[in-house]
Amino acid sequence: MGNCLNHVEALEAGLTATQAIKLDGLRHSFEVALARCYGTKLAPIICRKLTQDLILRPDVLAFLEGAMVEEIPDSIDGWDEIAREMVGKDDLAQRNLRFSNEELRLKILSEIQTSMRPAHRLELARSGELDTYLEARVLDELEK
């Protein structure tokens, strides 16, 4: 059983040279869309997995077989939609995004707390408004 191929490897092994070139082009467009939509929020290993999994989509398989498939995008918006769809359906990608967002949130929170005057921070803490203030500032920074 040591020579068992996974689905992606099995499909790739059956591609002709022309189909492999087509798949490389699709994967490149997908990788660019991932970068455009998520920047560095997705770990490289997650991006590689999603890019490899592109071949598992029925529309991609049909396109590789030569069918005229309307679902294969010819625009940036179309590729961005596929990237968001695949990330949305992948549990590991979702966990990775949550982790990245939380890590960024904590970094911003730390920067805000560090930049605050101690007297202002103490005043807000005594009035019970510090957490609300900090959360609002973090949200403002995240939306930028």
N, C-alpha and C. Protein backbone atom coordinates (compact mmCIF):
# COMPACT_ATOMS: atom_id res chain seq x y z
N MET A 1 0.81 -1.20 0.00
CA MET A 1 0.00 0.00 0.00
C MET A 1 0.85 1.26 0.00
N GLY A 2 2.15 1.15 0.00
CA GLY A 2 3.02 2.30 0.05
C GLY A 2 2.98 3.13 -1.22
N ASN A 3 2.41 2.61 -2.30
CA ASN A 3 2.40 3.32 -3.57
C ASN A 3 1.00 3.85 -3.90
N CYS A 4 0.23 4.12 -2.89
CA CYS A 4 -1.14 4.57 -3.07
C CYS A 4 -1.17 6.07 -3.39
N LEU A 5 -1.86 6.44 -4.46
CA LEU A 5 -1.97 7.85 -4.84
C LEU A 5 -3.22 8.45 -4.24
N ASN A 6 -3.14 9.73 -3.84
CA ASN A 6 -4.36 10.40 -3.41
C ASN A 6 -5.11 10.85 -4.66
N HIS A 7 -6.29 11.42 -4.48
CA HIS A 7 -7.14 11.80 -5.62
C HIS A 7 -6.44 12.78 -6.56
N VAL A 8 -5.80 13.78 -5.98
CA VAL A 8 -5.12 14.80 -6.78
C VAL A 8 -4.01 14.17 -7.60
N GLU A 9 -3.17 13.37 -6.95
CA GLU A 9 -2.06 12.74 -7.66
C GLU A 9 -2.56 11.79 -8.74
N ALA A 10 -3.63 11.06 -8.45
CA ALA A 10 -4.18 10.12 -9.43
C ALA A 10 -4.70 10.87 -10.66
N LEU A 11 -5.40 11.98 -10.44
CA LEU A 11 -5.91 12.77 -11.56
C LEU A 11 -4.77 13.38 -12.37
N GLU A 12 -3.76 13.91 -11.66
CA GLU A 12 -2.62 14.51 -12.35
C GLU A 12 -1.85 13.48 -13.17
N ALA A 13 -1.75 12.26 -12.65
CA ALA A 13 -1.01 11.21 -13.35
C ALA A 13 -1.68 10.84 -14.68
N GLY A 14 -2.98 11.04 -14.77
CA GLY A 14 -3.70 10.70 -15.99
C GLY A 14 -3.80 11.83 -17.01
N LEU A 15 -3.21 12.98 -16.72
CA LEU A 15 -3.31 14.11 -17.64
C LEU A 15 -2.34 13.96 -18.81
N THR A 16 -2.78 14.43 -19.96
CA THR A 16 -1.87 14.54 -21.10
C THR A 16 -0.99 15.77 -20.89
N ALA A 17 0.02 15.93 -21.72
CA ALA A 17 0.89 17.09 -21.61
C ALA A 17 0.10 18.38 -21.80
N THR A 18 -0.82 18.40 -22.76
CA THR A 18 -1.64 19.58 -23.02
C THR A 18 -2.53 19.90 -21.83
N GLN A 19 -3.13 18.87 -21.25
CA GLN A 19 -3.98 19.07 -20.08
C GLN A 19 -3.16 19.59 -18.89
N ALA A 20 -1.95 19.08 -18.73
CA ALA A 20 -1.09 19.53 -17.63
C ALA A 20 -0.74 21.01 -17.79
N ILE A 21 -0.51 21.45 -19.01
CA ILE A 21 -0.22 22.86 -19.28
C ILE A 21 -1.45 23.72 -18.96
N LYS A 22 -2.63 23.24 -19.37
CA LYS A 22 -3.87 23.96 -19.05
C LYS A 22 -4.05 24.08 -17.54
N LEU A 23 -3.81 22.96 -16.83
CA LEU A 23 -3.96 22.95 -15.37
C LEU A 23 -2.98 23.93 -14.73
N ASP A 24 -1.77 23.97 -15.21
CA ASP A 24 -0.79 24.92 -14.66
C ASP A 24 -1.27 26.35 -14.82
N GLY A 25 -1.86 26.67 -15.96
CA GLY A 25 -2.39 28.02 -16.18
C GLY A 25 -3.53 28.35 -15.23
N LEU A 26 -4.43 27.37 -15.04
CA LEU A 26 -5.55 27.57 -14.11
C LEU A 26 -5.03 27.76 -12.69
N ARG A 27 -4.07 26.94 -12.31
CA ARG A 27 -3.52 27.03 -10.96
C ARG A 27 -2.83 28.36 -10.73
N HIS A 28 -2.13 28.85 -11.74
CA HIS A 28 -1.48 30.15 -11.61
C HIS A 28 -2.52 31.25 -11.38
N SER A 29 -3.57 31.24 -12.17
CA SER A 29 -4.63 32.25 -12.00
C SER A 29 -5.26 32.15 -10.61
N PHE A 30 -5.43 30.93 -10.13
CA PHE A 30 -6.01 30.70 -8.81
C PHE A 30 -5.07 31.21 -7.71
N GLU A 31 -3.77 30.93 -7.83
CA GLU A 31 -2.80 31.39 -6.84
C GLU A 31 -2.79 32.91 -6.75
N VAL A 32 -2.86 33.57 -7.90
CA VAL A 32 -2.89 35.03 -7.92
C VAL A 32 -4.16 35.54 -7.23
N ALA A 33 -5.28 34.86 -7.47
CA ALA A 33 -6.54 35.25 -6.82
C ALA A 33 -6.46 35.07 -5.31
N LEU A 34 -5.85 33.99 -4.85
CA LEU A 34 -5.68 33.78 -3.41
C LEU A 34 -4.86 34.92 -2.81
N ALA A 35 -3.79 35.28 -3.49
CA ALA A 35 -2.94 36.36 -2.99
C ALA A 35 -3.69 37.69 -2.97
N ARG A 36 -4.48 37.92 -4.01
CA ARG A 36 -5.24 39.16 -4.10
C ARG A 36 -6.30 39.24 -2.99
N CYS A 37 -6.97 38.13 -2.75
CA CYS A 37 -8.07 38.12 -1.77
C CYS A 37 -7.60 38.02 -0.32
N TYR A 38 -6.51 37.31 -0.08
CA TYR A 38 -6.14 37.02 1.31
C TYR A 38 -4.74 37.50 1.70
N GLY A 39 -3.97 37.99 0.75
CA GLY A 39 -2.62 38.46 1.09
C GLY A 39 -1.82 37.40 1.79
N THR A 40 -1.30 37.74 2.96
CA THR A 40 -0.49 36.78 3.73
C THR A 40 -1.28 36.12 4.85
N LYS A 41 -2.60 36.27 4.84
CA LYS A 41 -3.42 35.70 5.92
C LYS A 41 -3.48 34.17 5.85
N LEU A 42 -3.31 33.60 4.66
CA LEU A 42 -3.30 32.14 4.52
C LEU A 42 -1.85 31.66 4.50
N ALA A 43 -1.58 30.63 5.26
CA ALA A 43 -0.24 30.05 5.29
C ALA A 43 0.10 29.46 3.92
N PRO A 44 1.38 29.49 3.54
CA PRO A 44 1.77 28.92 2.24
C PRO A 44 1.33 27.47 2.04
N ILE A 45 1.37 26.67 3.09
CA ILE A 45 0.96 25.27 2.96
C ILE A 45 -0.53 25.15 2.64
N ILE A 46 -1.34 26.05 3.18
CA ILE A 46 -2.78 26.05 2.90
C ILE A 46 -3.01 26.48 1.45
N CYS A 47 -2.27 27.49 1.02
CA CYS A 47 -2.39 27.94 -0.39
C CYS A 47 -2.01 26.81 -1.36
N ARG A 48 -0.94 26.09 -1.03
CA ARG A 48 -0.52 24.97 -1.90
C ARG A 48 -1.60 23.90 -1.96
N LYS A 49 -2.18 23.57 -0.80
CA LYS A 49 -3.23 22.54 -0.76
C LYS A 49 -4.43 22.97 -1.59
N LEU A 50 -4.88 24.21 -1.41
CA LEU A 50 -6.03 24.70 -2.18
C LEU A 50 -5.73 24.71 -3.67
N THR A 51 -4.52 25.11 -4.03
CA THR A 51 -4.12 25.15 -5.44
C THR A 51 -4.09 23.74 -6.03
N GLN A 52 -3.58 22.79 -5.28
CA GLN A 52 -3.58 21.41 -5.76
C GLN A 52 -5.01 20.88 -5.88
N ASP A 53 -5.86 21.23 -4.94
CA ASP A 53 -7.24 20.75 -4.93
C ASP A 53 -8.09 21.33 -6.05
N LEU A 54 -7.59 22.33 -6.75
CA LEU A 54 -8.35 22.94 -7.85
C LEU A 54 -8.76 21.88 -8.87
N ILE A 55 -7.93 20.86 -9.07
CA ILE A 55 -8.23 19.81 -10.05
C ILE A 55 -9.45 18.97 -9.64
N LEU A 56 -9.83 19.03 -8.38
CA LEU A 56 -10.97 18.23 -7.90
C LEU A 56 -12.31 18.87 -8.25
N ARG A 57 -12.29 20.10 -8.71
CA ARG A 57 -13.55 20.78 -9.08
C ARG A 57 -14.07 20.20 -10.40
N PRO A 58 -15.36 19.88 -10.45
CA PRO A 58 -15.93 19.32 -11.69
C PRO A 58 -15.77 20.24 -12.91
N ASP A 59 -15.89 21.56 -12.70
CA ASP A 59 -15.74 22.48 -13.82
C ASP A 59 -14.32 22.47 -14.37
N VAL A 60 -13.33 22.32 -13.49
CA VAL A 60 -11.93 22.26 -13.92
C VAL A 60 -11.67 20.96 -14.68
N LEU A 61 -12.18 19.86 -14.16
CA LEU A 61 -12.00 18.58 -14.85
C LEU A 61 -12.65 18.60 -16.24
N ALA A 62 -13.83 19.15 -16.32
CA ALA A 62 -14.51 19.24 -17.62
C ALA A 62 -13.71 20.10 -18.59
N PHE A 63 -13.18 21.22 -18.10
CA PHE A 63 -12.36 22.10 -18.94
C PHE A 63 -11.11 21.38 -19.43
N LEU A 64 -10.48 20.61 -18.55
CA LEU A 64 -9.28 19.88 -18.94
C LEU A 64 -9.58 18.82 -19.98
N GLU A 65 -10.79 18.29 -19.96
CA GLU A 65 -11.20 17.29 -20.93
C GLU A 65 -11.62 17.90 -22.26
N GLY A 66 -11.64 19.24 -22.32
CA GLY A 66 -11.93 19.91 -23.58
C GLY A 66 -13.33 20.47 -23.70
N ALA A 67 -14.12 20.34 -22.65
CA ALA A 67 -15.49 20.88 -22.71
C ALA A 67 -15.44 22.40 -22.59
N MET A 68 -16.39 23.05 -23.23
CA MET A 68 -16.52 24.50 -23.07
C MET A 68 -17.28 24.72 -21.77
N VAL A 69 -16.60 25.24 -20.78
CA VAL A 69 -17.17 25.38 -19.44
C VAL A 69 -17.28 26.86 -19.09
N GLU A 70 -18.50 27.31 -18.89
CA GLU A 70 -18.73 28.72 -18.56
C GLU A 70 -18.23 29.06 -17.16
N GLU A 71 -18.13 28.07 -16.28
CA GLU A 71 -17.73 28.32 -14.90
C GLU A 71 -16.25 28.69 -14.77
N ILE A 72 -15.43 28.37 -15.78
CA ILE A 72 -14.02 28.73 -15.72
C ILE A 72 -13.92 30.22 -16.03
N PRO A 73 -13.46 31.00 -15.06
CA PRO A 73 -13.48 32.45 -15.23
C PRO A 73 -12.45 32.95 -16.24
N ASP A 74 -12.79 34.07 -16.83
CA ASP A 74 -11.84 34.74 -17.72
C ASP A 74 -11.60 36.16 -17.23
N SER A 75 -11.93 36.39 -15.95
CA SER A 75 -11.76 37.71 -15.37
C SER A 75 -11.20 37.59 -13.95
N ILE A 76 -10.65 38.69 -13.48
CA ILE A 76 -10.12 38.74 -12.11
C ILE A 76 -11.24 38.47 -11.11
N ASP A 77 -12.39 39.09 -11.30
CA ASP A 77 -13.51 38.90 -10.37
C ASP A 77 -13.95 37.44 -10.30
N GLY A 78 -13.95 36.78 -11.45
CA GLY A 78 -14.33 35.37 -11.48
C GLY A 78 -13.37 34.49 -10.69
N TRP A 79 -12.07 34.75 -10.85
CA TRP A 79 -11.08 33.97 -10.10
C TRP A 79 -11.15 34.29 -8.60
N ASP A 80 -11.39 35.55 -8.28
CA ASP A 80 -11.53 35.91 -6.86
C ASP A 80 -12.72 35.19 -6.23
N GLU A 81 -13.79 35.06 -6.99
CA GLU A 81 -14.97 34.35 -6.49
C GLU A 81 -14.66 32.88 -6.23
N ILE A 82 -13.94 32.25 -7.14
CA ILE A 82 -13.55 30.84 -6.94
C ILE A 82 -12.64 30.71 -5.72
N ALA A 83 -11.69 31.64 -5.58
CA ALA A 83 -10.78 31.59 -4.42
C ALA A 83 -11.57 31.70 -3.12
N ARG A 84 -12.49 32.67 -3.06
CA ARG A 84 -13.29 32.84 -1.84
C ARG A 84 -14.18 31.61 -1.58
N GLU A 85 -14.72 31.04 -2.64
CA GLU A 85 -15.56 29.85 -2.49
C GLU A 85 -14.76 28.67 -1.94
N MET A 86 -13.59 28.43 -2.52
CA MET A 86 -12.79 27.29 -2.07
C MET A 86 -12.27 27.49 -0.64
N VAL A 87 -11.86 28.70 -0.31
CA VAL A 87 -11.41 28.98 1.06
C VAL A 87 -12.58 28.83 2.02
N GLY A 88 -13.75 29.29 1.62
CA GLY A 88 -14.94 29.20 2.47
C GLY A 88 -15.36 27.77 2.76
N LYS A 89 -15.07 26.85 1.84
CA LYS A 89 -15.47 25.45 2.01
C LYS A 89 -14.39 24.59 2.65
N ASP A 90 -13.20 25.14 2.86
CA ASP A 90 -12.09 24.36 3.39
C ASP A 90 -11.89 24.65 4.88
N ASP A 91 -12.08 23.63 5.72
CA ASP A 91 -11.98 23.81 7.17
C ASP A 91 -10.61 24.31 7.61
N LEU A 92 -9.54 23.75 7.03
CA LEU A 92 -8.20 24.18 7.41
C LEU A 92 -7.96 25.64 7.04
N ALA A 93 -8.42 26.04 5.89
CA ALA A 93 -8.26 27.43 5.47
C ALA A 93 -9.03 28.36 6.40
N GLN A 94 -10.22 27.96 6.79
CA GLN A 94 -11.02 28.78 7.71
C GLN A 94 -10.33 28.92 9.06
N ARG A 95 -9.79 27.82 9.57
CA ARG A 95 -9.08 27.88 10.85
C ARG A 95 -7.85 28.77 10.74
N ASN A 96 -7.14 28.64 9.62
CA ASN A 96 -5.95 29.46 9.40
C ASN A 96 -6.30 30.94 9.35
N LEU A 97 -7.41 31.28 8.70
CA LEU A 97 -7.83 32.68 8.63
C LEU A 97 -8.21 33.21 10.02
N ARG A 98 -8.93 32.41 10.78
CA ARG A 98 -9.31 32.83 12.13
C ARG A 98 -8.05 33.09 12.97
N PHE A 99 -7.09 32.20 12.86
CA PHE A 99 -5.83 32.35 13.61
C PHE A 99 -5.10 33.61 13.16
N SER A 100 -5.00 33.84 11.86
CA SER A 100 -4.32 35.02 11.32
C SER A 100 -5.01 36.30 11.77
N ASN A 101 -6.33 36.31 11.72
CA ASN A 101 -7.08 37.49 12.14
C ASN A 101 -6.90 37.76 13.62
N GLU A 102 -6.90 36.71 14.43
CA GLU A 102 -6.73 36.88 15.87
C GLU A 102 -5.32 37.37 16.19
N GLU A 103 -4.35 36.82 15.49
CA GLU A 103 -2.96 37.25 15.68
C GLU A 103 -2.79 38.73 15.33
N LEU A 104 -3.39 39.16 14.23
CA LEU A 104 -3.34 40.56 13.82
C LEU A 104 -4.07 41.44 14.83
N ARG A 105 -5.23 40.98 15.29
CA ARG A 105 -6.02 41.73 16.27
C ARG A 105 -5.21 41.96 17.55
N LEU A 106 -4.52 40.93 18.02
CA LEU A 106 -3.73 41.05 19.25
C LEU A 106 -2.54 41.99 19.05
N LYS A 107 -1.94 41.96 17.88
CA LYS A 107 -0.83 42.87 17.58
C LYS A 107 -1.30 44.31 17.58
N ILE A 108 -2.42 44.58 16.95
CA ILE A 108 -2.98 45.94 16.90
C ILE A 108 -3.36 46.39 18.30
N LEU A 109 -3.99 45.50 19.06
CA LEU A 109 -4.38 45.83 20.44
C LEU A 109 -3.16 46.24 21.27
N SER A 110 -2.10 45.48 21.14
CA SER A 110 -0.87 45.77 21.87
C SER A 110 -0.30 47.14 21.47
N GLU A 111 -0.31 47.42 20.16
CA GLU A 111 0.19 48.72 19.69
C GLU A 111 -0.65 49.88 20.22
N ILE A 112 -1.96 49.70 20.25
CA ILE A 112 -2.85 50.75 20.75
C ILE A 112 -2.61 50.98 22.23
N GLN A 113 -2.52 49.89 22.99
CA GLN A 113 -2.30 50.03 24.44
C GLN A 113 -0.96 50.71 24.72
N THR A 114 0.06 50.36 23.95
CA THR A 114 1.38 50.95 24.13
C THR A 114 1.37 52.44 23.81
N SER A 115 0.60 52.83 22.82
CA SER A 115 0.58 54.23 22.41
C SER A 115 -0.29 55.13 23.30
N MET A 116 -1.11 54.51 24.13
CA MET A 116 -2.00 55.31 25.00
C MET A 116 -1.22 55.94 26.16
N ARG A 117 -1.63 57.12 26.52
CA ARG A 117 -1.07 57.76 27.72
C ARG A 117 -1.56 56.95 28.94
N PRO A 118 -0.68 56.69 29.89
CA PRO A 118 -1.09 55.91 31.07
C PRO A 118 -2.28 56.53 31.81
N ALA A 119 -2.32 57.86 31.89
CA ALA A 119 -3.41 58.52 32.60
C ALA A 119 -4.74 58.29 31.88
N HIS A 120 -4.71 58.33 30.54
CA HIS A 120 -5.93 58.10 29.76
C HIS A 120 -6.41 56.65 29.91
N ARG A 121 -5.46 55.72 29.87
CA ARG A 121 -5.80 54.30 30.03
C ARG A 121 -6.41 54.05 31.41
N LEU A 122 -5.83 54.66 32.43
CA LEU A 122 -6.33 54.50 33.80
C LEU A 122 -7.72 55.11 33.95
N GLU A 123 -7.92 56.28 33.34
CA GLU A 123 -9.23 56.95 33.40
C GLU A 123 -10.31 56.09 32.76
N LEU A 124 -10.01 55.51 31.58
CA LEU A 124 -10.98 54.65 30.90
C LEU A 124 -11.24 53.37 31.69
N ALA A 125 -10.19 52.83 32.30
CA ALA A 125 -10.35 51.60 33.09
C ALA A 125 -11.25 51.85 34.31
N ARG A 126 -11.04 52.97 34.97
CA ARG A 126 -11.85 53.29 36.15
C ARG A 126 -13.31 53.51 35.80
N SER A 127 -13.55 54.06 34.61
CA SER A 127 -14.94 54.31 34.21
C SER A 127 -15.59 53.07 33.58
N GLY A 128 -14.80 52.00 33.43
CA GLY A 128 -15.34 50.77 32.84
C GLY A 128 -15.46 50.82 31.33
N GLU A 129 -14.82 51.79 30.69
CA GLU A 129 -14.94 51.97 29.25
C GLU A 129 -13.69 51.54 28.47
N LEU A 130 -12.67 51.05 29.15
CA LEU A 130 -11.41 50.72 28.47
C LEU A 130 -11.60 49.63 27.41
N ASP A 131 -12.26 48.54 27.77
CA ASP A 131 -12.45 47.44 26.82
C ASP A 131 -13.22 47.89 25.59
N THR A 132 -14.28 48.66 25.78
CA THR A 132 -15.08 49.16 24.66
C THR A 132 -14.26 50.07 23.77
N TYR A 133 -13.49 50.95 24.39
CA TYR A 133 -12.63 51.88 23.65
C TYR A 133 -11.60 51.11 22.81
N LEU A 134 -10.93 50.16 23.46
CA LEU A 134 -9.89 49.39 22.76
C LEU A 134 -10.48 48.58 21.61
N GLU A 135 -11.60 47.96 21.84
CA GLU A 135 -12.24 47.14 20.79
C GLU A 135 -12.62 48.00 19.59
N ALA A 136 -13.16 49.19 19.86
CA ALA A 136 -13.53 50.10 18.77
C ALA A 136 -12.30 50.54 17.98
N ARG A 137 -11.21 50.82 18.68
CA ARG A 137 -9.97 51.23 17.99
C ARG A 137 -9.40 50.08 17.17
N VAL A 138 -9.45 48.86 17.69
CA VAL A 138 -8.94 47.69 16.96
C VAL A 138 -9.78 47.49 15.69
N LEU A 139 -11.10 47.57 15.82
CA LEU A 139 -11.97 47.42 14.64
C LEU A 139 -11.68 48.48 13.59
N ASP A 140 -11.44 49.71 14.03
CA ASP A 140 -11.09 50.78 13.08
C ASP A 140 -9.81 50.43 12.32
N GLU A 141 -8.82 49.93 13.05
CA GLU A 141 -7.54 49.58 12.41
C GLU A 141 -7.70 48.39 11.46
N LEU A 142 -8.50 47.41 11.84
CA LEU A 142 -8.70 46.23 11.01
C LEU A 142 -9.41 46.59 9.70
N GLU A 143 -10.26 47.59 9.76
CA GLU A 143 -11.04 47.98 8.57
C GLU A 143 -10.23 48.82 7.60
N LYS A 144 -9.07 49.30 8.02
CA LYS A 144 -8.23 50.13 7.14
C LYS A 144 -7.59 49.31 6.05
